[in-house]
Amino acid sequence: MALGIQAAVDNGATMLNLSLGGSSDSAVLDSVIQQAIVAGIPVYASAGNQPGVHADVSSGGPGRHCGHRHAGRPACALRELRQFVSLAMPGASVVYLGGQPYIVQGTSPATAYATGVAAGTKGSGCLPWAQIQTAMQQQFAVPK
């Protein structure tokens, strides 16, 4: 994963999506992600990943959390994550593999939505990333 992130950064990536999770930490991965952030590349990641990224949780609709788990924690434990989590995006999607539809839900699709919204906004204007993130945090606030 770290090599892929490094290759993306070295080859001109302007944003990163890390719709993934794991049960352990990696100093190498942390270092590569921090290098991307320092380089001004926004990194969107599923909640439970490292600080510095724009962490996303999934929502069940306006003002509601989904009932599934985020980062190995029950959804009700999101109060602990609120200082770290910056966005709440739709947490369910349908993906097709071999012509077969599959429902996916959780922080990974929420992160994909956040990355798409940010990329689409950046592509349609010349707003700086910080302004885009601020607008997204207002529009897709984490429910209280």
N, C-alpha and C. Protein backbone atom coordinates (compact mmCIF):
# COMPACT_ATOMS: atom_id res chain seq x y z
N MET A 1 0.84 -1.18 0.00
CA MET A 1 0.00 0.00 0.00
C MET A 1 0.88 1.24 0.00
N ALA A 2 1.90 1.26 0.84
CA ALA A 2 2.79 2.42 0.92
C ALA A 2 3.48 2.67 -0.42
N LEU A 3 3.91 1.61 -1.08
CA LEU A 3 4.56 1.78 -2.39
C LEU A 3 3.58 2.36 -3.42
N GLY A 4 2.34 1.94 -3.38
CA GLY A 4 1.33 2.48 -4.29
C GLY A 4 1.06 3.95 -4.05
N ILE A 5 0.97 4.33 -2.78
CA ILE A 5 0.76 5.74 -2.44
C ILE A 5 1.95 6.56 -2.89
N GLN A 6 3.16 6.06 -2.60
CA GLN A 6 4.36 6.78 -3.00
C GLN A 6 4.44 6.95 -4.51
N ALA A 7 4.11 5.90 -5.25
CA ALA A 7 4.12 5.97 -6.71
C ALA A 7 3.10 6.99 -7.21
N ALA A 8 1.92 7.02 -6.59
CA ALA A 8 0.89 7.99 -6.99
C ALA A 8 1.39 9.42 -6.76
N VAL A 9 1.97 9.66 -5.60
CA VAL A 9 2.50 10.99 -5.28
C VAL A 9 3.62 11.36 -6.23
N ASP A 10 4.54 10.44 -6.46
CA ASP A 10 5.69 10.70 -7.35
C ASP A 10 5.26 10.96 -8.79
N ASN A 11 4.09 10.46 -9.17
CA ASN A 11 3.63 10.61 -10.55
C ASN A 11 2.52 11.66 -10.70
N GLY A 12 2.41 12.56 -9.73
CA GLY A 12 1.54 13.70 -9.88
C GLY A 12 0.12 13.59 -9.33
N ALA A 13 -0.15 12.65 -8.44
CA ALA A 13 -1.49 12.56 -7.85
C ALA A 13 -1.84 13.90 -7.20
N THR A 14 -3.08 14.30 -7.36
CA THR A 14 -3.53 15.55 -6.75
C THR A 14 -4.47 15.30 -5.57
N MET A 15 -4.88 14.08 -5.37
CA MET A 15 -5.66 13.67 -4.20
C MET A 15 -5.57 12.16 -4.08
N LEU A 16 -5.81 11.65 -2.87
CA LEU A 16 -5.75 10.21 -2.63
C LEU A 16 -7.01 9.75 -1.93
N ASN A 17 -7.48 8.56 -2.30
CA ASN A 17 -8.61 7.90 -1.65
C ASN A 17 -8.09 6.60 -1.04
N LEU A 18 -8.31 6.43 0.25
CA LEU A 18 -7.93 5.20 0.94
C LEU A 18 -9.18 4.58 1.55
N SER A 19 -10.00 4.01 0.69
CA SER A 19 -11.22 3.33 1.14
C SER A 19 -10.84 1.93 1.59
N LEU A 20 -10.21 1.86 2.73
CA LEU A 20 -9.71 0.59 3.23
C LEU A 20 -9.60 0.67 4.74
N GLY A 21 -9.25 -0.41 5.33
CA GLY A 21 -9.08 -0.44 6.77
C GLY A 21 -8.16 -1.57 7.15
N GLY A 22 -7.79 -1.59 8.38
CA GLY A 22 -6.93 -2.65 8.89
C GLY A 22 -6.96 -2.66 10.40
N SER A 23 -6.38 -3.68 10.96
CA SER A 23 -6.42 -3.82 12.41
C SER A 23 -5.11 -3.42 13.08
N SER A 24 -4.11 -3.00 12.29
CA SER A 24 -2.85 -2.60 12.90
C SER A 24 -2.33 -1.34 12.22
N ASP A 25 -1.33 -0.74 12.84
CA ASP A 25 -0.75 0.48 12.33
C ASP A 25 0.56 0.16 11.63
N SER A 26 0.98 1.02 10.73
CA SER A 26 2.23 0.83 10.00
C SER A 26 2.98 2.14 9.97
N ALA A 27 4.17 2.17 10.54
CA ALA A 27 4.98 3.38 10.55
C ALA A 27 5.34 3.80 9.13
N VAL A 28 5.58 2.83 8.25
CA VAL A 28 5.92 3.13 6.86
C VAL A 28 4.73 3.78 6.16
N LEU A 29 3.56 3.19 6.32
CA LEU A 29 2.35 3.75 5.70
C LEU A 29 2.05 5.13 6.27
N ASP A 30 2.15 5.28 7.58
CA ASP A 30 1.93 6.59 8.21
C ASP A 30 2.86 7.64 7.62
N SER A 31 4.12 7.29 7.45
CA SER A 31 5.11 8.21 6.93
C SER A 31 4.80 8.65 5.50
N VAL A 32 4.42 7.69 4.66
CA VAL A 32 4.11 8.01 3.26
C VAL A 32 2.87 8.90 3.17
N ILE A 33 1.87 8.62 4.00
CA ILE A 33 0.66 9.44 4.00
C ILE A 33 0.98 10.85 4.49
N GLN A 34 1.78 10.96 5.53
CA GLN A 34 2.16 12.28 6.03
C GLN A 34 2.94 13.07 4.98
N GLN A 35 3.78 12.40 4.21
CA GLN A 35 4.52 13.07 3.13
C GLN A 35 3.54 13.63 2.09
N ALA A 36 2.52 12.87 1.77
CA ALA A 36 1.51 13.34 0.80
C ALA A 36 0.79 14.56 1.36
N ILE A 37 0.42 14.52 2.62
CA ILE A 37 -0.29 15.63 3.24
C ILE A 37 0.58 16.88 3.26
N VAL A 38 1.84 16.72 3.64
CA VAL A 38 2.78 17.85 3.66
C VAL A 38 2.94 18.44 2.26
N ALA A 39 2.87 17.59 1.24
CA ALA A 39 2.98 18.05 -0.15
C ALA A 39 1.70 18.74 -0.64
N GLY A 40 0.68 18.83 0.23
CA GLY A 40 -0.55 19.51 -0.13
C GLY A 40 -1.56 18.64 -0.85
N ILE A 41 -1.37 17.33 -0.79
CA ILE A 41 -2.29 16.40 -1.43
C ILE A 41 -3.34 15.97 -0.41
N PRO A 42 -4.62 16.30 -0.63
CA PRO A 42 -5.64 15.86 0.32
C PRO A 42 -5.80 14.35 0.27
N VAL A 43 -5.94 13.75 1.44
CA VAL A 43 -6.09 12.31 1.57
C VAL A 43 -7.42 12.03 2.25
N TYR A 44 -8.30 11.33 1.55
CA TYR A 44 -9.59 10.92 2.12
C TYR A 44 -9.48 9.46 2.51
N ALA A 45 -9.85 9.16 3.75
CA ALA A 45 -9.71 7.80 4.26
C ALA A 45 -10.91 7.44 5.12
N SER A 46 -11.19 6.16 5.18
CA SER A 46 -12.27 5.67 6.04
C SER A 46 -11.94 5.98 7.49
N ALA A 47 -12.97 6.27 8.28
CA ALA A 47 -12.77 6.58 9.70
C ALA A 47 -12.02 5.44 10.37
N GLY A 48 -11.15 5.82 11.26
CA GLY A 48 -10.33 4.83 11.95
C GLY A 48 -8.92 4.81 11.41
N ASN A 49 -8.69 5.51 10.29
CA ASN A 49 -7.34 5.62 9.77
C ASN A 49 -6.65 6.80 10.45
N GLN A 50 -5.47 7.13 10.02
CA GLN A 50 -4.64 8.04 10.79
C GLN A 50 -5.06 9.50 10.72
N PRO A 51 -4.72 10.25 11.80
CA PRO A 51 -4.99 11.68 11.80
C PRO A 51 -4.24 12.37 10.66
N GLY A 52 -4.79 13.49 10.20
CA GLY A 52 -4.19 14.22 9.09
C GLY A 52 -4.98 14.01 7.81
N VAL A 53 -5.65 12.88 7.73
CA VAL A 53 -6.48 12.60 6.57
C VAL A 53 -7.88 13.16 6.83
N HIS A 54 -8.66 13.30 5.79
CA HIS A 54 -10.06 13.71 5.94
C HIS A 54 -10.85 12.42 6.18
N ALA A 55 -11.09 12.11 7.44
CA ALA A 55 -11.76 10.86 7.78
C ALA A 55 -13.25 10.97 7.56
N ASP A 56 -13.83 9.93 7.00
CA ASP A 56 -15.24 9.93 6.66
C ASP A 56 -15.96 8.78 7.36
N VAL A 57 -17.18 9.07 7.83
CA VAL A 57 -18.07 8.02 8.31
C VAL A 57 -19.27 7.99 7.38
N SER A 58 -19.99 6.90 7.42
CA SER A 58 -21.17 6.81 6.57
C SER A 58 -22.39 7.26 7.35
N SER A 59 -23.35 7.80 6.62
CA SER A 59 -24.58 8.26 7.27
C SER A 59 -25.76 7.50 6.70
N GLY A 60 -26.78 7.39 7.52
CA GLY A 60 -28.00 6.73 7.09
C GLY A 60 -28.99 7.70 6.49
N GLY A 61 -28.59 8.91 6.30
CA GLY A 61 -29.45 9.95 5.76
C GLY A 61 -29.14 11.23 6.50
N PRO A 62 -29.77 12.32 6.13
CA PRO A 62 -29.47 13.59 6.79
C PRO A 62 -29.61 13.51 8.31
N GLY A 63 -28.51 13.81 8.99
CA GLY A 63 -28.53 13.83 10.46
C GLY A 63 -28.51 12.48 11.14
N ARG A 64 -28.28 11.38 10.41
CA ARG A 64 -28.30 10.06 11.03
C ARG A 64 -27.03 9.29 10.67
N HIS A 65 -26.56 8.48 11.63
CA HIS A 65 -25.46 7.55 11.37
C HIS A 65 -26.06 6.23 10.92
N CYS A 66 -25.34 5.50 10.10
CA CYS A 66 -25.76 4.14 9.79
C CYS A 66 -25.53 3.27 11.02
N GLY A 67 -26.23 2.17 11.10
CA GLY A 67 -26.11 1.29 12.25
C GLY A 67 -24.93 0.35 12.19
N HIS A 68 -24.22 0.28 11.06
CA HIS A 68 -23.10 -0.65 10.99
C HIS A 68 -21.87 -0.06 11.67
N ARG A 69 -20.82 -0.84 11.73
CA ARG A 69 -19.64 -0.48 12.49
C ARG A 69 -18.68 0.39 11.67
N HIS A 70 -17.97 1.25 12.35
CA HIS A 70 -16.95 2.10 11.75
C HIS A 70 -15.64 1.82 12.48
N ALA A 71 -14.62 1.48 11.75
CA ALA A 71 -13.29 1.30 12.32
C ALA A 71 -13.31 0.32 13.49
N GLY A 72 -14.11 -0.73 13.39
CA GLY A 72 -14.16 -1.73 14.44
C GLY A 72 -14.94 -1.30 15.66
N ARG A 73 -15.59 -0.17 15.60
CA ARG A 73 -16.35 0.33 16.75
C ARG A 73 -17.83 0.38 16.39
N PRO A 74 -18.70 0.16 17.36
CA PRO A 74 -20.13 0.32 17.07
C PRO A 74 -20.40 1.77 16.68
N ALA A 75 -21.42 1.98 15.88
CA ALA A 75 -21.75 3.33 15.43
C ALA A 75 -21.98 4.27 16.60
N CYS A 76 -22.50 3.75 17.73
CA CYS A 76 -22.75 4.62 18.88
C CYS A 76 -21.46 5.16 19.49
N ALA A 77 -20.32 4.54 19.19
CA ALA A 77 -19.04 5.02 19.72
C ALA A 77 -18.47 6.16 18.87
N LEU A 78 -19.23 6.64 17.91
CA LEU A 78 -18.72 7.71 17.04
C LEU A 78 -18.47 9.01 17.79
N ARG A 79 -19.09 9.18 18.95
CA ARG A 79 -18.81 10.39 19.72
C ARG A 79 -17.32 10.50 19.98
N GLU A 80 -16.63 9.38 20.20
CA GLU A 80 -15.20 9.39 20.45
C GLU A 80 -14.43 9.81 19.20
N LEU A 81 -14.95 9.52 18.02
CA LEU A 81 -14.26 9.83 16.77
C LEU A 81 -14.53 11.24 16.27
N ARG A 82 -15.54 11.94 16.84
CA ARG A 82 -15.98 13.19 16.28
C ARG A 82 -14.88 14.23 16.10
N GLN A 83 -13.90 14.25 17.03
CA GLN A 83 -12.84 15.24 16.90
C GLN A 83 -11.94 14.91 15.72
N PHE A 84 -11.94 13.69 15.27
CA PHE A 84 -11.08 13.23 14.18
C PHE A 84 -11.82 13.15 12.85
N VAL A 85 -13.08 12.75 12.90
CA VAL A 85 -13.88 12.56 11.69
C VAL A 85 -14.36 13.91 11.20
N SER A 86 -14.22 14.15 9.88
CA SER A 86 -14.58 15.47 9.37
C SER A 86 -15.82 15.47 8.46
N LEU A 87 -16.27 14.32 7.98
CA LEU A 87 -17.40 14.28 7.05
C LEU A 87 -18.28 13.08 7.31
N ALA A 88 -19.56 13.22 7.00
CA ALA A 88 -20.49 12.08 7.02
C ALA A 88 -21.14 12.01 5.64
N MET A 89 -20.83 10.99 4.90
CA MET A 89 -21.29 10.83 3.52
C MET A 89 -22.18 9.59 3.42
N PRO A 90 -22.93 9.45 2.32
CA PRO A 90 -23.75 8.23 2.15
C PRO A 90 -22.88 6.99 2.29
N GLY A 91 -23.36 6.01 3.02
CA GLY A 91 -22.56 4.84 3.31
C GLY A 91 -22.99 3.58 2.60
N ALA A 92 -23.79 3.68 1.58
CA ALA A 92 -24.21 2.49 0.84
C ALA A 92 -24.17 2.77 -0.65
N SER A 93 -23.85 1.74 -1.40
CA SER A 93 -23.77 1.87 -2.85
C SER A 93 -23.96 0.50 -3.47
N VAL A 94 -24.27 0.49 -4.74
CA VAL A 94 -24.35 -0.75 -5.50
C VAL A 94 -23.18 -0.76 -6.47
N VAL A 95 -22.40 -1.83 -6.44
CA VAL A 95 -21.30 -1.99 -7.40
C VAL A 95 -21.57 -3.24 -8.22
N TYR A 96 -21.05 -3.25 -9.42
CA TYR A 96 -21.25 -4.39 -10.31
C TYR A 96 -19.92 -5.07 -10.56
N LEU A 97 -19.91 -6.37 -10.46
CA LEU A 97 -18.74 -7.17 -10.76
C LEU A 97 -19.21 -8.34 -11.60
N GLY A 98 -18.70 -8.43 -12.82
CA GLY A 98 -19.13 -9.48 -13.73
C GLY A 98 -20.60 -9.42 -14.04
N GLY A 99 -21.14 -8.20 -14.10
CA GLY A 99 -22.56 -8.03 -14.40
C GLY A 99 -23.48 -8.32 -13.22
N GLN A 100 -22.93 -8.68 -12.08
CA GLN A 100 -23.71 -9.01 -10.88
C GLN A 100 -23.69 -7.82 -9.91
N PRO A 101 -24.88 -7.35 -9.45
CA PRO A 101 -24.89 -6.23 -8.51
C PRO A 101 -24.60 -6.70 -7.08
N TYR A 102 -23.84 -5.91 -6.36
CA TYR A 102 -23.53 -6.17 -4.96
C TYR A 102 -23.76 -4.88 -4.18
N ILE A 103 -24.38 -4.99 -3.01
CA ILE A 103 -24.55 -3.84 -2.14
C ILE A 103 -23.34 -3.78 -1.22
N VAL A 104 -22.71 -2.62 -1.18
CA VAL A 104 -21.60 -2.39 -0.26
C VAL A 104 -22.01 -1.26 0.67
N GLN A 105 -21.60 -1.36 1.91
CA GLN A 105 -21.92 -0.30 2.85
C GLN A 105 -20.82 -0.16 3.88
N GLY A 106 -20.71 1.04 4.41
CA GLY A 106 -19.70 1.32 5.42
C GLY A 106 -18.90 2.56 5.09
N THR A 107 -17.77 2.69 5.75
CA THR A 107 -16.95 3.88 5.57
C THR A 107 -16.22 3.89 4.24
N SER A 108 -15.99 2.74 3.63
CA SER A 108 -15.30 2.74 2.33
C SER A 108 -16.12 3.40 1.24
N PRO A 109 -17.41 3.05 1.04
CA PRO A 109 -18.17 3.79 0.04
C PRO A 109 -18.35 5.27 0.43
N ALA A 110 -18.46 5.56 1.72
CA ALA A 110 -18.58 6.95 2.15
C ALA A 110 -17.34 7.74 1.75
N THR A 111 -16.19 7.11 1.89
CA THR A 111 -14.93 7.75 1.53
C THR A 111 -14.85 7.96 0.02
N ALA A 112 -15.33 6.99 -0.74
CA ALA A 112 -15.34 7.14 -2.20
C ALA A 112 -16.24 8.30 -2.61
N TYR A 113 -17.40 8.43 -1.96
CA TYR A 113 -18.28 9.56 -2.25
C TYR A 113 -17.57 10.88 -1.94
N ALA A 114 -16.93 10.97 -0.78
CA ALA A 114 -16.25 12.21 -0.39
C ALA A 114 -15.17 12.58 -1.39
N THR A 115 -14.39 11.59 -1.81
CA THR A 115 -13.32 11.84 -2.78
C THR A 115 -13.91 12.33 -4.09
N GLY A 116 -15.01 11.72 -4.53
CA GLY A 116 -15.66 12.13 -5.77
C GLY A 116 -16.20 13.54 -5.70
N VAL A 117 -16.82 13.89 -4.58
CA VAL A 117 -17.35 15.25 -4.42
C VAL A 117 -16.21 16.26 -4.45
N ALA A 118 -15.12 15.96 -3.73
CA ALA A 118 -13.98 16.88 -3.71
C ALA A 118 -13.36 17.01 -5.10
N ALA A 119 -13.16 15.90 -5.78
CA ALA A 119 -12.55 15.93 -7.11
C ALA A 119 -13.45 16.68 -8.10
N GLY A 120 -14.74 16.43 -8.04
CA GLY A 120 -15.66 17.11 -8.93
C GLY A 120 -15.70 18.61 -8.69
N THR A 121 -15.64 18.99 -7.42
CA THR A 121 -15.63 20.41 -7.08
C THR A 121 -14.34 21.06 -7.56
N LYS A 122 -13.22 20.39 -7.32
CA LYS A 122 -11.92 20.93 -7.76
C LYS A 122 -11.88 21.03 -9.28
N GLY A 123 -12.43 20.05 -9.96
CA GLY A 123 -12.40 20.04 -11.42
C GLY A 123 -13.29 21.08 -12.06
N SER A 124 -14.28 21.57 -11.31
CA SER A 124 -15.21 22.54 -11.90
C SER A 124 -14.83 23.97 -11.58
N GLY A 125 -13.76 24.18 -10.84
CA GLY A 125 -13.36 25.54 -10.50
C GLY A 125 -11.93 25.58 -10.01
N CYS A 126 -11.55 26.71 -9.53
CA CYS A 126 -10.16 26.90 -9.08
C CYS A 126 -10.09 27.12 -7.57
N LEU A 127 -11.04 26.58 -6.84
CA LEU A 127 -11.02 26.75 -5.39
C LEU A 127 -9.84 25.99 -4.79
N PRO A 128 -9.23 26.53 -3.75
CA PRO A 128 -8.16 25.79 -3.06
C PRO A 128 -8.77 24.63 -2.26
N TRP A 129 -7.95 23.60 -2.03
CA TRP A 129 -8.43 22.41 -1.30
C TRP A 129 -9.02 22.77 0.05
N ALA A 130 -8.39 23.70 0.76
CA ALA A 130 -8.89 24.05 2.10
C ALA A 130 -10.31 24.61 2.02
N GLN A 131 -10.60 25.41 1.01
CA GLN A 131 -11.94 25.97 0.86
C GLN A 131 -12.94 24.88 0.48
N ILE A 132 -12.53 23.94 -0.35
CA ILE A 132 -13.40 22.82 -0.71
C ILE A 132 -13.71 21.99 0.52
N GLN A 133 -12.70 21.69 1.33
CA GLN A 133 -12.91 20.88 2.53
C GLN A 133 -13.84 21.58 3.50
N THR A 134 -13.66 22.90 3.68
CA THR A 134 -14.53 23.65 4.59
C THR A 134 -15.98 23.59 4.12
N ALA A 135 -16.20 23.78 2.83
CA ALA A 135 -17.56 23.71 2.28
C ALA A 135 -18.15 22.31 2.46
N MET A 136 -17.35 21.28 2.24
CA MET A 136 -17.84 19.91 2.41
C MET A 136 -18.17 19.62 3.87
N GLN A 137 -17.36 20.13 4.80
CA GLN A 137 -17.64 19.92 6.22
C GLN A 137 -18.94 20.59 6.64
N GLN A 138 -19.27 21.71 6.02
CA GLN A 138 -20.54 22.37 6.32
C GLN A 138 -21.71 21.61 5.70
N GLN A 139 -21.55 21.17 4.46
CA GLN A 139 -22.62 20.48 3.75
C GLN A 139 -22.85 19.06 4.26
N PHE A 140 -21.76 18.38 4.63
CA PHE A 140 -21.85 16.97 5.06
C PHE A 140 -21.33 16.80 6.48
N ALA A 141 -21.87 17.61 7.38
CA ALA A 141 -21.42 17.61 8.76
C ALA A 141 -21.72 16.26 9.44
N VAL A 142 -20.84 15.90 10.36
CA VAL A 142 -21.05 14.69 11.16
C VAL A 142 -22.21 14.98 12.11
N PRO A 143 -23.26 14.16 12.10
CA PRO A 143 -24.41 14.40 12.99
C PRO A 143 -24.00 14.41 14.46
N LYS A 144 -24.63 15.24 15.21
CA LYS A 144 -24.34 15.37 16.65
C LYS A 144 -24.93 14.23 17.43
